[in-house]
Amino acid sequence: MKAKGELKEYEVIGRKLPTEKESNTPLYRMRIFAPDPIVAKSRFWYFLRQLKKFKKSTGEIVSVKPIPEKTPIKIKNFGIWLRYDSRSGTHNMYREYRDLSVSGAVTQCYRDMGARHRARAHSIQVI
């Protein structure tokens, strides 16, 4: 993923395609930070493939909706748990940022991780 421009928060809901054995499949919902809905769908399949053993060819996206900020005129503190791959291994990290919105804080986090730790956007996962 390229962290181009301001990241937005999306709610992506998907499920496994129904089969004769399992006609009523459970829905999986994720909050994804991405620059646009197409990248949000792609990240959804990336995480779902790791968590549950099915992929894009055996599943479907039910909905992709942007999540608006509740109070975008008030400055808040945000704590972000993240995981990133560096040259020496995988690291977990907790970082705090001050911003008007969650998506602004996550964008700030991606920029900060790139500057301080040389972490690429595709290797960072917000938990």
Protein backbone atom coordinates (compact mmCIF):
# COMPACT_ATOMS: atom_id res chain seq x y z
CA MET A 1 0.00 0.00 0.00
CA LYS A 2 1.22 3.47 -0.81
CA ALA A 3 0.30 6.01 1.87
CA LYS A 4 -0.46 8.74 -0.66
CA GLY A 5 -2.29 11.77 0.68
CA GLU A 6 -4.55 11.65 3.72
CA LEU A 7 -5.66 8.19 4.81
CA LYS A 8 -9.36 7.63 5.47
CA GLU A 9 -11.08 5.11 7.72
CA TYR A 10 -13.32 2.54 6.02
CA GLU A 11 -15.61 -0.14 7.39
CA VAL A 12 -15.33 -3.19 5.12
CA ILE A 13 -17.75 -6.09 5.56
CA GLY A 14 -17.20 -9.37 3.73
CA ARG A 15 -18.04 -13.04 3.92
CA LYS A 16 -17.24 -16.42 2.47
CA LEU A 17 -19.38 -17.31 -0.54
CA PRO A 18 -22.30 -19.58 0.48
CA THR A 19 -22.00 -23.25 -0.53
CA GLU A 20 -24.38 -26.21 -0.40
CA LYS A 21 -22.79 -27.33 2.88
CA GLU A 22 -22.76 -23.90 4.49
CA SER A 23 -25.57 -21.70 3.16
CA ASN A 24 -25.45 -19.11 5.97
CA THR A 25 -21.87 -17.83 6.25
CA PRO A 26 -20.74 -15.38 8.97
CA LEU A 27 -19.92 -11.75 8.15
CA TYR A 28 -16.49 -10.33 8.97
CA ARG A 29 -16.16 -6.59 9.66
CA MET A 30 -12.91 -4.62 9.76
CA ARG A 31 -11.97 -0.98 10.16
CA ILE A 32 -9.27 -0.30 7.57
CA PHE A 33 -7.20 2.87 7.04
CA ALA A 34 -6.56 3.42 3.32
CA PRO A 35 -6.38 6.28 0.80
CA ASP A 36 -9.41 4.99 -1.18
CA PRO A 37 -12.05 2.18 -1.11
CA ILE A 38 -10.15 0.00 -3.61
CA VAL A 39 -7.07 -0.17 -1.38
CA ALA A 40 -9.36 -0.74 1.64
CA LYS A 41 -10.86 -3.83 -0.07
CA SER A 42 -7.39 -5.11 -0.93
CA ARG A 43 -6.16 -4.70 2.67
CA PHE A 44 -9.34 -6.43 3.91
CA TRP A 45 -8.54 -9.53 1.82
CA TYR A 46 -4.90 -9.39 2.93
CA PHE A 47 -5.84 -9.47 6.65
CA LEU A 48 -8.70 -11.95 6.22
CA ARG A 49 -6.42 -14.38 4.39
CA GLN A 50 -4.13 -14.34 7.45
CA LEU A 51 -6.90 -14.61 10.06
CA LYS A 52 -9.40 -16.95 8.38
CA LYS A 53 -8.42 -19.46 5.75
CA PHE A 54 -10.21 -18.08 2.73
CA LYS A 55 -9.38 -15.60 0.03
CA LYS A 56 -10.89 -13.24 -2.53
CA SER A 57 -11.83 -15.98 -5.00
CA THR A 58 -13.92 -17.82 -2.37
CA GLY A 59 -15.45 -14.71 -0.75
CA GLU A 60 -17.32 -11.51 -1.46
CA ILE A 61 -17.38 -7.94 -0.18
CA VAL A 62 -20.80 -7.00 1.21
CA SER A 63 -20.15 -3.29 1.83
CA VAL A 64 -17.44 -0.63 2.00
CA LYS A 65 -18.38 2.55 3.87
CA PRO A 66 -16.24 5.51 4.96
CA ILE A 67 -16.45 6.15 8.71
CA PRO A 68 -16.85 9.88 9.45
CA GLU A 69 -15.21 11.48 12.49
CA LYS A 70 -17.71 12.18 15.31
CA THR A 71 -16.22 15.51 16.46
CA PRO A 72 -13.81 16.82 13.80
CA ILE A 73 -13.44 20.27 15.43
CA LYS A 74 -11.94 19.10 18.74
CA ILE A 75 -8.29 18.10 19.22
CA LYS A 76 -7.89 14.66 20.81
CA ASN A 77 -5.09 12.31 21.86
CA PHE A 78 -4.98 8.97 20.02
CA GLY A 79 -3.02 5.87 20.98
CA ILE A 80 -2.16 3.54 18.10
CA TRP A 81 -0.96 -0.06 18.45
CA LEU A 82 0.94 -1.13 15.37
CA ARG A 83 3.14 -3.88 14.03
CA TYR A 84 5.81 -3.38 11.41
CA ASP A 85 8.49 -5.37 9.65
CA SER A 86 11.99 -3.92 9.74
CA ARG A 87 15.21 -5.22 8.27
CA SER A 88 15.87 -7.18 11.47
CA GLY A 89 12.41 -8.63 12.16
CA THR A 90 8.84 -7.86 13.21
CA HIS A 91 8.21 -5.32 15.98
CA ASN A 92 5.13 -4.33 17.99
CA MET A 93 4.78 -0.71 19.02
CA TYR A 94 2.45 1.72 20.78
CA ARG A 95 2.52 5.37 19.73
CA GLU A 96 0.47 8.42 20.72
CA TYR A 97 -0.50 11.35 18.50
CA ARG A 98 -2.57 14.52 18.83
CA ASP A 99 -4.92 15.27 15.96
CA LEU A 100 -8.45 16.28 15.01
CA SER A 101 -9.40 12.82 13.70
CA VAL A 102 -8.39 9.17 13.94
CA SER A 103 -7.50 9.09 10.26
CA GLY A 104 -5.29 12.17 10.71
CA ALA A 105 -3.47 10.50 13.60
CA VAL A 106 -2.94 7.29 11.59
CA THR A 107 -1.64 9.31 8.63
CA GLN A 108 0.73 11.09 11.02
CA CYS A 109 1.82 7.68 12.36
CA TYR A 110 2.61 6.33 8.87
CA ARG A 111 4.69 9.46 8.09
CA ASP A 112 6.47 9.27 11.46
CA MET A 113 7.28 5.56 11.08
CA GLY A 114 8.71 6.22 7.63
CA ALA A 115 10.86 9.07 8.92
CA ARG A 116 12.13 7.59 12.20
CA HIS A 117 12.28 3.86 11.44
CA ARG A 118 12.44 3.76 7.62
CA ALA A 119 9.34 1.53 7.68
CA ARG A 120 7.49 1.35 4.36
CA ALA A 121 3.70 1.78 4.35
CA HIS A 122 3.08 -1.78 3.13
CA SER A 123 5.00 -3.22 6.10
CA ILE A 124 2.99 -1.32 8.77
CA GLN A 125 -0.18 -2.88 10.23
CA VAL A 126 -2.42 -0.85 12.54
CA ILE A 127 -3.84 -3.24 15.14
